[in-house]
Amino acid sequence: MLGGVILLAAGAAVGWAGSTIFAPPPDVLDSTPFTTAEVVRGEVGSSINLNTVAEWKPIPIAANLASGTVTSVSVTAGQEVSVGSVLYAVNLRPVVIAQGDVPAFRTLSRNTAGADVAQLQAMLTQLGFYRGDVSGDFGWLTQAAVEAWQESLGVDVDGVVQAGDVVFVPSLPTRISLDADKVVRGASLGASDPVILGLPPAPTFRVPVTESQSGMMPDGTRVEVTGPDGQAWEGFVVDRVAQQQGGTIDVILGGADGAPVCGTECGTISVTEQSLLRSQVVTVETVTGLTVPSAALVSRADGTIVVLEEDGTEHRVTVVTSARGMSVIEGVSAGLRVRVPASGG
């Protein structure tokens, strides 16, 4: 009899063990405390606020050959000049800009010849004073044109172009800047001073960042830049340069399709100093759609993403974008209430 009881007890124990081992485990989600959130239409995106540094980088393009006292300055920093523009005056004699690959280096007068004479003839032609051939030979037609030009400038009419009267630069029109320390009314200016600086078509735009911030800004990242007068400009990350001092990284911006970030408004950027511009770096582009807390998304073993209704009903969804704890999804309707783990995990 005792043996029968022992056998029955053993059999019951085996049955309990079998039912415990082979019974399906409870769904973790069913046992996790949760709240609910409604699927609503909204926007999801992310950006960080940083400063963009805009800076012109002028380079010397011509040297002054006039010696004396600067009696007037006719251009401002960053101004666009064209053939025949007066830059400044030395001893009351205007210094004029023209286009040419050969720099001014000598006095030009009757019977001189050369590429510099041809450049002078081309300038006089564009200004309407010369109608002869651009031959490079300084003949009587060129002399007459020089005299008419001199009369228009209000200087002594002698038909002779001094070396300091004209500065030749590679291309015109162009934006220029004068050396503010040397080309000042009353300053003494010497020959061969490289005081005429040329500006590129647009300033450089860079965002100084840390290494971790740089990692958030891959090439192509859009940056919304506010110009000095409140203009809305758009730049894109095109390059980055590590700085040896400070451990920072300069993220370089370019405009759309190779255009300048500042478009046609680059003239508003200071030529004499760096401009610090407010900017928003768009780390996740804003998307409009049906939104849920990202914590409501459940990843299944097969890689699908689902959301759960309060009663546990699953809805397979597609995640369009996620940022700052929210996601835009497709596959459900607005108004659906879905589970969100109470812990937010």
Protein backbone atom coordinates (compact mmCIF):
# COMPACT_ATOMS: atom_id res chain seq x y z
CA MET A 1 0.00 0.00 0.00
CA LEU A 2 2.81 2.36 0.93
CA GLY A 3 4.55 1.53 -2.33
CA GLY A 4 1.40 2.50 -4.25
CA VAL A 5 1.27 5.89 -2.51
CA ILE A 6 4.92 6.54 -3.29
CA LEU A 7 4.36 5.66 -6.95
CA LEU A 8 1.34 7.94 -7.17
CA ALA A 9 3.29 10.78 -5.57
CA ALA A 10 6.21 10.24 -7.92
CA GLY A 11 3.87 10.20 -10.90
CA ALA A 12 2.25 13.45 -9.79
CA ALA A 13 5.65 15.09 -9.38
CA VAL A 14 6.69 14.03 -12.88
CA GLY A 15 3.42 15.32 -14.27
CA TRP A 16 3.89 18.69 -12.56
CA ALA A 17 7.47 18.96 -13.80
CA GLY A 18 6.42 18.10 -17.33
CA SER A 19 3.64 20.64 -17.33
CA THR A 20 6.02 23.28 -15.97
CA ILE A 21 8.83 22.58 -18.43
CA PHE A 22 6.73 22.23 -21.55
CA ALA A 23 4.16 24.94 -20.89
CA PRO A 24 4.74 28.04 -23.08
CA PRO A 25 6.43 30.92 -21.19
CA PRO A 26 4.29 33.98 -20.49
CA ASP A 27 4.66 36.89 -22.97
CA VAL A 28 6.99 39.45 -21.39
CA LEU A 29 4.94 42.25 -22.89
CA ASP A 30 1.79 40.93 -21.22
CA SER A 31 3.51 41.11 -17.86
CA THR A 32 5.11 44.52 -18.36
CA PRO A 33 3.29 47.49 -16.84
CA PHE A 34 2.24 49.94 -19.53
CA THR A 35 0.35 53.10 -20.24
CA THR A 36 -1.25 54.02 -23.54
CA ALA A 37 -0.69 56.77 -26.08
CA GLU A 38 -2.82 57.87 -28.99
CA VAL A 39 -1.55 57.77 -32.57
CA VAL A 40 -1.76 61.41 -33.68
CA ARG A 41 -0.62 63.48 -36.65
CA GLY A 42 2.46 65.55 -35.96
CA GLU A 43 6.04 66.36 -36.92
CA VAL A 44 9.26 64.60 -35.98
CA GLY A 45 12.70 66.10 -36.58
CA SER A 46 15.84 67.15 -34.80
CA SER A 47 18.35 69.99 -34.99
CA ILE A 48 21.10 71.56 -32.92
CA ASN A 49 21.88 75.26 -32.60
CA LEU A 50 25.46 76.22 -33.44
CA ASN A 51 27.32 79.23 -34.81
CA THR A 52 28.61 79.49 -38.37
CA VAL A 53 31.67 81.63 -39.08
CA ALA A 54 31.56 83.50 -42.41
CA GLU A 55 34.81 85.05 -43.57
CA TRP A 56 36.23 86.59 -46.71
CA LYS A 57 39.80 85.55 -47.46
CA PRO A 58 41.35 88.27 -49.63
CA ILE A 59 44.64 87.74 -51.45
CA PRO A 60 47.00 90.36 -52.98
CA ILE A 61 46.25 90.81 -56.68
CA ALA A 62 48.10 94.01 -57.52
CA ALA A 63 50.76 96.34 -56.16
CA ASN A 64 50.64 100.10 -55.98
CA LEU A 65 53.33 101.95 -58.00
CA ALA A 66 52.33 105.51 -57.10
CA SER A 67 54.47 107.23 -54.46
CA GLY A 68 53.22 110.01 -52.25
CA THR A 69 50.37 110.90 -49.95
CA VAL A 70 46.97 109.23 -50.19
CA THR A 71 44.63 112.16 -50.83
CA SER A 72 41.37 110.23 -51.26
CA VAL A 73 39.95 106.69 -51.17
CA SER A 74 37.13 105.92 -53.59
CA VAL A 75 36.18 102.29 -52.83
CA THR A 76 34.96 100.47 -49.76
CA ALA A 77 35.96 97.00 -48.61
CA GLY A 78 34.24 94.35 -50.69
CA GLN A 79 33.03 96.75 -53.36
CA GLU A 80 32.78 95.39 -56.89
CA VAL A 81 34.87 97.35 -59.37
CA SER A 82 35.07 97.26 -63.15
CA VAL A 83 37.39 98.54 -65.88
CA GLY A 84 38.25 102.20 -65.33
CA SER A 85 37.11 102.41 -61.69
CA VAL A 86 39.11 104.86 -59.58
CA LEU A 87 40.43 103.12 -56.45
CA TYR A 88 42.20 105.97 -54.65
CA ALA A 89 44.33 109.02 -55.40
CA VAL A 90 47.96 109.72 -54.58
CA ASN A 91 49.03 113.37 -54.64
CA LEU A 92 45.60 114.10 -56.17
CA ARG A 93 46.34 111.78 -59.11
CA PRO A 94 43.73 108.95 -59.48
CA VAL A 95 44.83 105.32 -59.52
CA VAL A 96 42.61 103.38 -61.94
CA ILE A 97 42.03 99.62 -62.25
CA ALA A 98 42.07 97.73 -65.55
CA GLN A 99 42.24 94.14 -66.75
CA GLY A 100 45.45 92.50 -67.85
CA ASP A 101 47.89 89.71 -67.08
CA VAL A 102 50.96 91.97 -67.23
CA PRO A 103 51.35 94.24 -64.18
CA ALA A 104 52.10 97.91 -64.71
CA PHE A 105 55.86 98.42 -64.55
CA ARG A 106 56.82 101.43 -66.70
CA THR A 107 55.72 104.74 -68.14
CA LEU A 108 53.69 104.39 -71.37
CA SER A 109 53.95 107.09 -74.01
CA ARG A 110 54.24 107.67 -77.76
CA ASN A 111 56.29 105.01 -79.62
CA THR A 112 56.33 102.44 -76.76
CA ALA A 113 55.04 98.97 -77.55
CA GLY A 114 54.20 95.76 -75.77
CA ALA A 115 51.53 93.71 -74.04
CA ASP A 116 51.04 96.42 -71.43
CA VAL A 117 50.26 98.94 -74.17
CA ALA A 118 47.68 96.51 -75.60
CA GLN A 119 46.09 96.26 -72.14
CA LEU A 120 45.93 100.06 -71.96
CA GLN A 121 44.34 100.21 -75.42
CA ALA A 122 41.76 97.60 -74.38
CA MET A 123 40.86 99.70 -71.32
CA LEU A 124 40.53 102.87 -73.38
CA THR A 125 38.36 100.98 -75.89
CA GLN A 126 35.97 99.79 -73.19
CA LEU A 127 35.76 103.32 -71.78
CA GLY A 128 34.93 104.71 -75.21
CA PHE A 129 38.07 106.78 -75.75
CA TYR A 130 39.86 104.61 -78.34
CA ARG A 131 38.60 103.21 -81.66
CA GLY A 132 41.80 101.90 -83.18
CA ASP A 133 43.33 98.45 -83.29
CA VAL A 134 44.46 96.87 -80.03
CA SER A 135 47.91 96.36 -81.51
CA GLY A 136 50.22 97.06 -78.59
CA ASP A 137 51.78 100.01 -80.44
CA PHE A 138 51.42 103.42 -78.77
CA GLY A 139 50.72 105.68 -81.77
CA TRP A 140 49.00 109.01 -82.20
CA LEU A 141 45.50 107.47 -81.93
CA THR A 142 46.43 105.96 -78.56
CA GLN A 143 47.93 109.26 -77.44
CA ALA A 144 44.74 111.12 -78.35
CA ALA A 145 42.69 108.55 -76.43
CA VAL A 146 44.95 108.88 -73.37
CA GLU A 147 44.59 112.68 -73.47
CA ALA A 148 40.78 112.42 -73.60
CA TRP A 149 40.85 109.95 -70.72
CA GLN A 150 43.12 112.22 -68.67
CA GLU A 151 40.80 115.14 -69.24
CA SER A 152 37.87 113.04 -67.91
CA LEU A 153 39.86 112.32 -64.75
CA GLY A 154 40.75 115.95 -64.18
CA VAL A 155 44.54 115.48 -64.33
CA ASP A 156 47.21 117.14 -66.43
CA VAL A 157 46.66 116.28 -70.10
CA ASP A 158 50.03 115.19 -71.51
CA GLY A 159 49.29 111.86 -73.23
CA VAL A 160 51.67 110.02 -70.90
CA VAL A 161 50.52 107.21 -68.57
CA GLN A 162 52.71 106.95 -65.49
CA ALA A 163 53.45 103.52 -64.00
CA GLY A 164 51.31 104.32 -60.96
CA ASP A 165 48.30 105.57 -62.92
CA VAL A 166 46.86 102.12 -63.70
CA VAL A 167 46.91 98.80 -61.86
CA PHE A 168 46.23 95.70 -63.93
CA VAL A 169 44.45 92.70 -62.39
CA PRO A 170 43.73 89.30 -63.98
CA SER A 171 39.95 89.67 -64.30
CA LEU A 172 37.19 92.25 -63.97
CA PRO A 173 34.68 92.96 -62.59
CA THR A 174 35.82 91.75 -59.19
CA ARG A 175 35.36 92.53 -55.51
CA ILE A 176 38.37 94.15 -53.94
CA SER A 177 39.62 95.34 -50.59
CA LEU A 178 42.41 97.83 -49.94
CA ASP A 179 45.00 97.40 -47.20
CA ALA A 180 43.27 99.42 -44.49
CA ASP A 181 46.57 100.10 -42.71
CA LYS A 182 48.24 101.71 -45.74
CA VAL A 183 45.55 103.12 -48.02
CA VAL A 184 44.19 105.78 -45.66
CA ARG A 185 43.73 109.48 -46.32
CA GLY A 186 46.91 111.23 -45.28
CA ALA A 187 49.03 108.07 -45.25
CA SER A 188 52.34 107.92 -47.08
CA LEU A 189 52.25 105.26 -49.78
CA GLY A 190 55.31 103.75 -51.40
CA ALA A 191 55.80 102.09 -54.75
CA SER A 192 55.49 98.29 -54.91
CA ASP A 193 53.25 98.09 -51.82
CA PRO A 194 50.85 95.11 -52.36
CA VAL A 195 47.84 97.05 -51.09
CA ILE A 196 45.17 95.88 -53.55
CA LEU A 197 43.49 92.68 -52.40
CA GLY A 198 41.06 90.58 -54.40
CA LEU A 199 38.13 88.74 -52.93
CA PRO A 200 36.85 85.32 -54.04
CA PRO A 201 33.30 85.10 -55.43
CA ALA A 202 31.97 84.27 -51.95
CA PRO A 203 33.15 84.07 -48.33
CA THR A 204 33.91 80.76 -46.66
CA PHE A 205 31.35 79.30 -44.25
CA ARG A 206 32.52 76.98 -41.47
CA VAL A 207 31.00 75.55 -38.30
CA PRO A 208 33.53 74.95 -35.48
CA VAL A 209 32.43 71.77 -33.64
CA THR A 210 33.66 69.04 -31.33
CA GLU A 211 34.47 65.57 -32.63
CA SER A 212 31.16 64.19 -31.32
CA GLN A 213 29.21 67.00 -32.98
CA SER A 214 31.07 66.39 -36.23
CA GLY A 215 29.89 62.78 -36.09
CA MET A 216 26.30 64.05 -36.08
CA MET A 217 26.93 66.03 -39.29
CA PRO A 218 27.80 63.71 -42.19
CA ASP A 219 28.42 65.19 -45.63
CA GLY A 220 25.18 66.51 -47.07
CA THR A 221 23.72 67.57 -43.71
CA ARG A 222 21.59 70.68 -44.18
CA VAL A 223 22.35 73.79 -42.15
CA GLU A 224 19.96 76.73 -41.91
CA VAL A 225 22.05 79.91 -41.60
CA THR A 226 20.67 83.28 -40.53
CA GLY A 227 22.45 86.12 -42.34
CA PRO A 228 23.57 89.37 -40.69
CA ASP A 229 20.38 91.14 -41.79
CA GLY A 230 18.08 88.23 -40.92
CA GLN A 231 18.34 86.52 -44.31
CA ALA A 232 17.51 82.81 -44.47
CA TRP A 233 20.36 80.94 -46.17
CA GLU A 234 20.81 77.22 -46.71
CA GLY A 235 24.13 75.42 -46.60
CA PHE A 236 25.23 71.80 -46.77
CA VAL A 237 28.20 70.03 -45.20
CA VAL A 238 30.80 69.47 -47.93
CA ASP A 239 34.05 68.95 -46.04
CA ARG A 240 35.73 69.13 -42.64
CA VAL A 241 39.15 70.25 -41.44
CA ALA A 242 40.66 69.23 -38.09
CA GLN A 243 42.32 72.08 -36.20
CA GLN A 244 45.65 71.31 -34.54
CA GLN A 245 44.98 73.70 -31.69
CA GLY A 246 41.99 73.23 -29.44
CA GLY A 247 41.00 69.84 -30.83
CA THR A 248 38.07 71.31 -32.76
CA ILE A 249 36.90 70.47 -36.25
CA ASP A 250 35.81 73.03 -38.84
CA VAL A 251 32.83 71.67 -40.77
CA ILE A 252 32.84 73.40 -44.17
CA LEU A 253 29.55 74.46 -45.78
CA GLY A 254 28.67 74.95 -49.42
CA GLY A 255 25.52 76.08 -51.17
CA ALA A 256 23.12 74.03 -53.28
CA ASP A 257 24.56 72.91 -56.64
CA GLY A 258 27.87 74.62 -55.92
CA ALA A 259 26.34 78.07 -55.44
CA PRO A 260 27.49 80.30 -52.55
CA VAL A 261 25.70 79.79 -49.24
CA CYS A 262 24.88 83.51 -49.26
CA GLY A 263 23.55 83.45 -52.84
CA THR A 264 23.35 86.98 -54.23
CA GLU A 265 23.58 88.57 -50.77
CA CYS A 266 27.27 87.93 -50.04
CA GLY A 267 27.89 91.67 -50.00
CA THR A 268 26.24 91.83 -46.57
CA ILE A 269 29.08 89.80 -45.02
CA SER A 270 31.75 91.98 -43.44
CA VAL A 271 35.00 92.02 -45.38
CA THR A 272 37.14 93.34 -42.53
CA GLU A 273 36.25 90.81 -39.82
CA GLN A 274 34.69 87.42 -39.21
CA SER A 275 30.91 87.25 -39.02
CA LEU A 276 29.34 84.97 -36.41
CA LEU A 277 25.97 83.75 -37.71
CA ARG A 278 23.22 81.85 -35.87
CA SER A 279 22.58 78.45 -37.45
CA GLN A 280 20.48 75.33 -37.07
CA VAL A 281 22.13 72.05 -38.02
CA VAL A 282 19.36 69.69 -39.14
CA THR A 283 20.46 66.31 -37.81
CA VAL A 284 17.10 64.68 -38.69
CA GLU A 285 14.95 66.28 -41.37
CA THR A 286 11.43 67.11 -40.19
CA VAL A 287 8.78 64.65 -41.41
CA THR A 288 5.01 65.08 -40.99
CA GLY A 289 2.84 62.03 -40.41
CA LEU A 290 1.28 59.79 -37.76
CA THR A 291 3.41 59.84 -34.63
CA VAL A 292 3.84 57.63 -31.57
CA PRO A 293 6.39 57.51 -28.76
CA SER A 294 9.37 55.49 -29.98
CA ALA A 295 9.02 53.36 -26.82
CA ALA A 296 5.75 51.99 -28.24
CA LEU A 297 7.61 50.26 -31.08
CA VAL A 298 8.26 46.54 -30.58
CA SER A 299 10.82 44.67 -32.68
CA ARG A 300 9.95 41.03 -33.35
CA ALA A 301 12.46 38.24 -33.91
CA ASP A 302 11.79 38.26 -37.66
CA GLY A 303 12.75 41.96 -37.87
CA THR A 304 9.24 43.33 -38.19
CA ILE A 305 8.13 46.31 -36.10
CA VAL A 306 4.74 46.29 -34.41
CA VAL A 307 2.68 48.35 -32.01
CA LEU A 308 0.26 46.81 -29.54
CA GLU A 309 -3.25 47.91 -28.71
CA GLU A 310 -4.28 47.91 -25.06
CA ASP A 311 -5.76 44.40 -25.44
CA GLY A 312 -2.53 43.11 -27.01
CA THR A 313 -3.64 43.17 -30.66
CA GLU A 314 -0.58 43.65 -32.87
CA HIS A 315 -0.32 46.05 -35.79
CA ARG A 316 2.66 45.80 -38.09
CA VAL A 317 4.07 49.25 -38.93
CA THR A 318 6.82 50.90 -40.95
CA VAL A 319 9.00 53.49 -39.23
CA VAL A 320 9.56 56.55 -41.45
CA THR A 321 11.84 58.49 -39.08
CA SER A 322 12.65 58.84 -35.40
CA ALA A 323 14.03 61.67 -33.29
CA ARG A 324 13.89 62.88 -29.70
CA GLY A 325 11.82 59.92 -28.47
CA MET A 326 9.11 60.15 -31.15
CA SER A 327 8.61 58.26 -34.43
CA VAL A 328 6.59 58.77 -37.58
CA ILE A 329 5.00 55.47 -38.61
CA GLU A 330 2.83 54.03 -41.38
CA GLY A 331 0.41 51.11 -41.16
CA VAL A 332 -2.14 52.31 -38.58
CA SER A 333 -4.84 54.94 -38.36
CA ALA A 334 -4.96 58.11 -36.30
CA GLY A 335 -6.76 57.70 -32.99
CA LEU A 336 -5.51 54.18 -32.26
CA ARG A 337 -4.28 53.83 -28.67
CA VAL A 338 -1.11 51.80 -28.30
CA ARG A 339 0.85 50.43 -25.39
CA VAL A 340 3.85 52.32 -24.05
CA PRO A 341 5.94 50.59 -21.34
CA ALA A 342 5.37 52.40 -18.06
CA SER A 343 9.14 52.65 -17.58
CA GLY A 344 9.55 54.24 -21.00
CA GLY A 345 12.06 51.51 -21.95
